[in-house]
Amino acid sequence: GLQAQGLAPVLNVLVHARFLRSWA
């Protein structure tokens, strides 16, 4: 339910929360 440009901040939060190890 996001705009494509809104994904990077969400993915960064998930990395910071240690749900994701990394994304690229």
PDB file of all heavy atoms in Angstrom:
ATOM      1  N   GLY A   1       0.808  -1.214   0.000  1.00  0.00           N
ATOM      2  CA  GLY A   1       0.000   0.000   0.000  1.00  0.00           C
ATOM      3  C   GLY A   1       0.838   1.260   0.000  1.00  0.00           C
ATOM      4  O   GLY A   1       0.438   2.273   0.570  1.00  0.00           O
ATOM      5  N   LEU A   2       2.010   1.202  -0.634  1.00  0.00           N
ATOM      6  CA  LEU A   2       2.932   2.341  -0.668  1.00  0.00           C
ATOM      7  C   LEU A   2       3.211   2.760  -2.103  1.00  0.00           C
ATOM      8  O   LEU A   2       3.006   1.989  -3.031  1.00  0.00           O
ATOM      9  CB  LEU A   2       4.271   1.967  -0.031  1.00  0.00           C
ATOM     10  CG  LEU A   2       4.268   1.573   1.435  1.00  0.00           C
ATOM     11  CD1 LEU A   2       5.618   0.974   1.807  1.00  0.00           C
ATOM     12  CD2 LEU A   2       3.945   2.771   2.294  1.00  0.00           C
ATOM     13  N   GLN A   3       3.725   3.964  -2.261  1.00  0.00           N
ATOM     14  CA  GLN A   3       4.305   4.397  -3.526  1.00  0.00           C
ATOM     15  C   GLN A   3       5.683   3.735  -3.626  1.00  0.00           C
ATOM     16  O   GLN A   3       6.335   3.484  -2.608  1.00  0.00           O
ATOM     17  CB  GLN A   3       4.478   5.920  -3.550  1.00  0.00           C
ATOM     18  CG  GLN A   3       3.187   6.685  -3.430  1.00  0.00           C
ATOM     19  CD  GLN A   3       2.415   6.660  -4.738  1.00  0.00           C
ATOM     20  OE1 GLN A   3       2.994   6.558  -5.810  1.00  0.00           O
ATOM     21  NE2 GLN A   3       1.103   6.738  -4.626  1.00  0.00           N
ATOM     22  N   ALA A   4       6.154   3.467  -4.830  1.00  0.00           N
ATOM     23  CA  ALA A   4       7.454   2.796  -5.014  1.00  0.00           C
ATOM     24  C   ALA A   4       8.585   3.554  -4.323  1.00  0.00           C
ATOM     25  O   ALA A   4       9.465   2.947  -3.721  1.00  0.00           O
ATOM     26  CB  ALA A   4       7.752   2.623  -6.503  1.00  0.00           C
ATOM     27  N   GLN A   5       8.553   4.873  -4.386  1.00  0.00           N
ATOM     28  CA  GLN A   5       9.631   5.657  -3.760  1.00  0.00           C
ATOM     29  C   GLN A   5       9.567   5.610  -2.231  1.00  0.00           C
ATOM     30  O   GLN A   5      10.520   5.989  -1.559  1.00  0.00           O
ATOM     31  CB  GLN A   5       9.642   7.104  -4.262  1.00  0.00           C
ATOM     32  CG  GLN A   5       8.391   7.880  -3.955  1.00  0.00           C
ATOM     33  CD  GLN A   5       7.337   7.792  -5.041  1.00  0.00           C
ATOM     34  OE1 GLN A   5       7.317   6.853  -5.820  1.00  0.00           O
ATOM     35  NE2 GLN A   5       6.466   8.783  -5.081  1.00  0.00           N
ATOM     36  N   GLY A   6       8.477   5.107  -1.661  1.00  0.00           N
ATOM     37  CA  GLY A   6       8.368   4.983  -0.217  1.00  0.00           C
ATOM     38  C   GLY A   6       8.918   3.681   0.334  1.00  0.00           C
ATOM     39  O   GLY A   6       8.962   3.491   1.551  1.00  0.00           O
ATOM     40  N   LEU A   7       9.356   2.777  -0.543  1.00  0.00           N
ATOM     41  CA  LEU A   7       9.853   1.479  -0.079  1.00  0.00           C
ATOM     42  C   LEU A   7      11.207   1.562   0.620  1.00  0.00           C
ATOM     43  O   LEU A   7      11.416   0.893   1.636  1.00  0.00           O
ATOM     44  CB  LEU A   7       9.954   0.493  -1.240  1.00  0.00           C
ATOM     45  CG  LEU A   7       8.642  -0.108  -1.702  1.00  0.00           C
ATOM     46  CD1 LEU A   7       8.870  -0.972  -2.935  1.00  0.00           C
ATOM     47  CD2 LEU A   7       8.002  -0.921  -0.601  1.00  0.00           C
ATOM     48  N   ALA A   8      12.133   2.332   0.095  1.00  0.00           N
ATOM     49  CA  ALA A   8      13.482   2.381   0.674  1.00  0.00           C
ATOM     50  C   ALA A   8      13.457   2.755   2.153  1.00  0.00           C
ATOM     51  O   ALA A   8      14.101   2.074   2.968  1.00  0.00           O
ATOM     52  CB  ALA A   8      14.384   3.322  -0.117  1.00  0.00           C
ATOM     53  N   PRO A   9      12.720   3.799   2.557  1.00  0.00           N
ATOM     54  CA  PRO A   9      12.695   4.105   3.994  1.00  0.00           C
ATOM     55  C   PRO A   9      12.114   2.964   4.833  1.00  0.00           C
ATOM     56  O   PRO A   9      12.607   2.682   5.927  1.00  0.00           O
ATOM     57  CB  PRO A   9      11.808   5.354   4.083  1.00  0.00           C
ATOM     58  CG  PRO A   9      11.851   5.965   2.725  1.00  0.00           C
ATOM     59  CD  PRO A   9      12.026   4.824   1.774  1.00  0.00           C
ATOM     60  N   VAL A  10      11.096   2.294   4.323  1.00  0.00           N
ATOM     61  CA  VAL A  10      10.493   1.180   5.063  1.00  0.00           C
ATOM     62  C   VAL A  10      11.484   0.017   5.164  1.00  0.00           C
ATOM     63  O   VAL A  10      11.649  -0.580   6.229  1.00  0.00           O
ATOM     64  CB  VAL A  10       9.176   0.733   4.403  1.00  0.00           C
ATOM     65  CG1 VAL A  10       8.660  -0.549   5.034  1.00  0.00           C
ATOM     66  CG2 VAL A  10       8.130   1.840   4.493  1.00  0.00           C
ATOM     67  N   LEU A  11      12.151  -0.295   4.068  1.00  0.00           N
ATOM     68  CA  LEU A  11      13.142  -1.376   4.098  1.00  0.00           C
ATOM     69  C   LEU A  11      14.286  -1.039   5.039  1.00  0.00           C
ATOM     70  O   LEU A  11      14.792  -1.912   5.757  1.00  0.00           O
ATOM     71  CB  LEU A  11      13.656  -1.662   2.685  1.00  0.00           C
ATOM     72  CG  LEU A  11      12.609  -2.261   1.743  1.00  0.00           C
ATOM     73  CD1 LEU A  11      13.134  -2.263   0.314  1.00  0.00           C
ATOM     74  CD2 LEU A  11      12.197  -3.646   2.179  1.00  0.00           C
ATOM     75  N   ASN A  12      14.695   0.223   5.083  1.00  0.00           N
ATOM     76  CA  ASN A  12      15.756   0.633   6.012  1.00  0.00           C
ATOM     77  C   ASN A  12      15.321   0.465   7.462  1.00  0.00           C
ATOM     78  O   ASN A  12      16.114   0.056   8.313  1.00  0.00           O
ATOM     79  CB  ASN A  12      16.182   2.074   5.735  1.00  0.00           C
ATOM     80  CG  ASN A  12      16.984   2.189   4.470  1.00  0.00           C
ATOM     81  OD1 ASN A  12      17.645   1.251   4.037  1.00  0.00           O
ATOM     82  ND2 ASN A  12      16.915   3.345   3.837  1.00  0.00           N
ATOM     83  N   VAL A  13      14.051   0.766   7.755  1.00  0.00           N
ATOM     84  CA  VAL A  13      13.525   0.551   9.111  1.00  0.00           C
ATOM     85  C   VAL A  13      13.564  -0.933   9.451  1.00  0.00           C
ATOM     86  O   VAL A  13      13.936  -1.320  10.568  1.00  0.00           O
ATOM     87  CB  VAL A  13      12.095   1.117   9.242  1.00  0.00           C
ATOM     88  CG1 VAL A  13      11.413   0.624  10.513  1.00  0.00           C
ATOM     89  CG2 VAL A  13      12.119   2.635   9.205  1.00  0.00           C
ATOM     90  N   LEU A  14      13.194  -1.794   8.493  1.00  0.00           N
ATOM     91  CA  LEU A  14      13.215  -3.237   8.738  1.00  0.00           C
ATOM     92  C   LEU A  14      14.630  -3.759   8.971  1.00  0.00           C
ATOM     93  O   LEU A  14      14.839  -4.678   9.766  1.00  0.00           O
ATOM     94  CB  LEU A  14      12.538  -3.979   7.592  1.00  0.00           C
ATOM     95  CG  LEU A  14      11.035  -3.730   7.467  1.00  0.00           C
ATOM     96  CD1 LEU A  14      10.491  -4.385   6.202  1.00  0.00           C
ATOM     97  CD2 LEU A  14      10.290  -4.211   8.698  1.00  0.00           C
ATOM     98  N   VAL A  15      15.620  -3.177   8.306  1.00  0.00           N
ATOM     99  CA  VAL A  15      17.024  -3.540   8.565  1.00  0.00           C
ATOM    100  C   VAL A  15      17.424  -3.068   9.963  1.00  0.00           C
ATOM    101  O   VAL A  15      18.026  -3.820  10.737  1.00  0.00           O
ATOM    102  CB  VAL A  15      17.962  -2.953   7.487  1.00  0.00           C
ATOM    103  CG1 VAL A  15      19.422  -3.098   7.894  1.00  0.00           C
ATOM    104  CG2 VAL A  15      17.711  -3.624   6.139  1.00  0.00           C
ATOM    105  N   HIS A  16      17.075  -1.830  10.283  1.00  0.00           N
ATOM    106  CA  HIS A  16      17.414  -1.282  11.599  1.00  0.00           C
ATOM    107  C   HIS A  16      16.761  -2.095  12.726  1.00  0.00           C
ATOM    108  O   HIS A  16      17.362  -2.288  13.788  1.00  0.00           O
ATOM    109  CB  HIS A  16      16.991   0.185  11.675  1.00  0.00           C
ATOM    110  CG  HIS A  16      17.376   0.848  12.951  1.00  0.00           C
ATOM    111  ND1 HIS A  16      18.681   1.093  13.301  1.00  0.00           N
ATOM    112  CD2 HIS A  16      16.613   1.292  13.980  1.00  0.00           C
ATOM    113  CE1 HIS A  16      18.717   1.673  14.480  1.00  0.00           C
ATOM    114  NE2 HIS A  16      17.478   1.807  14.920  1.00  0.00           N
ATOM    115  N   ALA A  17      15.549  -2.593  12.477  1.00  0.00           N
ATOM    116  CA  ALA A  17      14.841  -3.405  13.473  1.00  0.00           C
ATOM    117  C   ALA A  17      15.322  -4.860  13.477  1.00  0.00           C
ATOM    118  O   ALA A  17      14.833  -5.677  14.247  1.00  0.00           O
ATOM    119  CB  ALA A  17      13.338  -3.361  13.203  1.00  0.00           C
ATOM    120  N   ARG A  18      16.259  -5.170  12.581  1.00  0.00           N
ATOM    121  CA  ARG A  18      16.846  -6.508  12.452  1.00  0.00           C
ATOM    122  C   ARG A  18      15.848  -7.566  12.000  1.00  0.00           C
ATOM    123  O   ARG A  18      15.999  -8.747  12.300  1.00  0.00           O
ATOM    124  CB  ARG A  18      17.543  -6.929  13.744  1.00  0.00           C
ATOM    125  CG  ARG A  18      18.687  -6.016  14.062  1.00  0.00           C
ATOM    126  CD  ARG A  18      19.451  -6.476  15.250  1.00  0.00           C
ATOM    127  NE  ARG A  18      20.514  -5.519  15.507  1.00  0.00           N
ATOM    128  CZ  ARG A  18      21.178  -5.455  16.609  1.00  0.00           C
ATOM    129  NH1 ARG A  18      20.916  -6.291  17.576  1.00  0.00           N
ATOM    130  NH2 ARG A  18      22.124  -4.563  16.769  1.00  0.00           N
ATOM    131  N   PHE A  19      14.795  -7.140  11.263  1.00  0.00           N
ATOM    132  CA  PHE A  19      13.900  -8.088  10.614  1.00  0.00           C
ATOM    133  C   PHE A  19      14.520  -8.541   9.301  1.00  0.00           C
ATOM    134  O   PHE A  19      14.449  -9.696   8.926  1.00  0.00           O
ATOM    135  CB  PHE A  19      12.525  -7.452  10.370  1.00  0.00           C
ATOM    136  CG  PHE A  19      11.545  -8.390   9.750  1.00  0.00           C
ATOM    137  CD1 PHE A  19      10.884  -9.325  10.527  1.00  0.00           C
ATOM    138  CD2 PHE A  19      11.284  -8.351   8.394  1.00  0.00           C
ATOM    139  CE1 PHE A  19       9.987 -10.215   9.955  1.00  0.00           C
ATOM    140  CE2 PHE A  19      10.388  -9.226   7.816  1.00  0.00           C
ATOM    141  CZ  PHE A  19       9.738 -10.162   8.592  1.00  0.00           C
ATOM    142  N   LEU A  20      15.150  -7.590   8.601  1.00  0.00           N
ATOM    143  CA  LEU A  20      15.918  -7.894   7.394  1.00  0.00           C
ATOM    144  C   LEU A  20      17.390  -7.765   7.720  1.00  0.00           C
ATOM    145  O   LEU A  20      17.788  -6.873   8.469  1.00  0.00           O
ATOM    146  CB  LEU A  20      15.594  -6.914   6.256  1.00  0.00           C
ATOM    147  CG  LEU A  20      14.187  -6.921   5.687  1.00  0.00           C
ATOM    148  CD1 LEU A  20      14.078  -5.860   4.594  1.00  0.00           C
ATOM    149  CD2 LEU A  20      13.818  -8.280   5.155  1.00  0.00           C
ATOM    150  N   ARG A  21      18.195  -8.632   7.142  1.00  0.00           N
ATOM    151  CA  ARG A  21      19.645  -8.505   7.287  1.00  0.00           C
ATOM    152  C   ARG A  21      20.148  -7.414   6.349  1.00  0.00           C
ATOM    153  O   ARG A  21      21.009  -6.620   6.710  1.00  0.00           O
ATOM    154  CB  ARG A  21      20.329  -9.823   6.978  1.00  0.00           C
ATOM    155  CG  ARG A  21      21.847  -9.729   7.098  1.00  0.00           C
ATOM    156  CD  ARG A  21      22.486 -11.062   7.009  1.00  0.00           C
ATOM    157  NE  ARG A  21      22.131 -11.811   8.213  1.00  0.00           N
ATOM    158  CZ  ARG A  21      22.186 -13.126   8.305  1.00  0.00           C
ATOM    159  NH1 ARG A  21      22.595 -13.839   7.291  1.00  0.00           N
ATOM    160  NH2 ARG A  21      21.847 -13.738   9.411  1.00  0.00           N
ATOM    161  N   SER A  22      19.595  -7.387   5.128  1.00  0.00           N
ATOM    162  CA  SER A  22      20.010  -6.387   4.148  1.00  0.00           C
ATOM    163  C   SER A  22      18.984  -6.330   3.023  1.00  0.00           C
ATOM    164  O   SER A  22      18.136  -7.207   2.901  1.00  0.00           O
ATOM    165  CB  SER A  22      21.376  -6.744   3.568  1.00  0.00           C
ATOM    166  OG  SER A  22      21.297  -7.974   2.868  1.00  0.00           O
ATOM    167  N   TRP A  23      19.084  -5.287   2.198  1.00  0.00           N
ATOM    168  CA  TRP A  23      18.283  -5.182   0.985  1.00  0.00           C
ATOM    169  C   TRP A  23      19.085  -4.379  -0.027  1.00  0.00           C
ATOM    170  O   TRP A  23      19.987  -3.628   0.330  1.00  0.00           O
ATOM    171  CB  TRP A  23      16.914  -4.553   1.256  1.00  0.00           C
ATOM    172  CG  TRP A  23      16.939  -3.076   1.485  1.00  0.00           C
ATOM    173  CD1 TRP A  23      17.133  -2.431   2.669  1.00  0.00           C
ATOM    174  CD2 TRP A  23      16.798  -2.064   0.490  1.00  0.00           C
ATOM    175  NE1 TRP A  23      17.124  -1.090   2.480  1.00  0.00           N
ATOM    176  CE2 TRP A  23      16.910  -0.835   1.140  1.00  0.00           C
ATOM    177  CE3 TRP A  23      16.590  -2.070  -0.879  1.00  0.00           C
ATOM    178  CZ2 TRP A  23      16.821   0.378   0.465  1.00  0.00           C
ATOM    179  CZ3 TRP A  23      16.502  -0.858  -1.544  1.00  0.00           C
ATOM    180  CH2 TRP A  23      16.612   0.344  -0.877  1.00  0.00           C
ATOM    181  N   ALA A  24      18.760  -4.555  -1.291  1.00  0.00           N
ATOM    182  CA  ALA A  24      19.444  -3.829  -2.368  1.00  0.00           C
ATOM    183  C   ALA A  24      18.605  -3.928  -3.632  1.00  0.00           C
ATOM    184  O   ALA A  24      17.711  -4.762  -3.737  1.00  0.00           O
ATOM    185  CB  ALA A  24      20.826  -4.428  -2.626  1.00  0.00           C
TER     186      ALA A  24
END
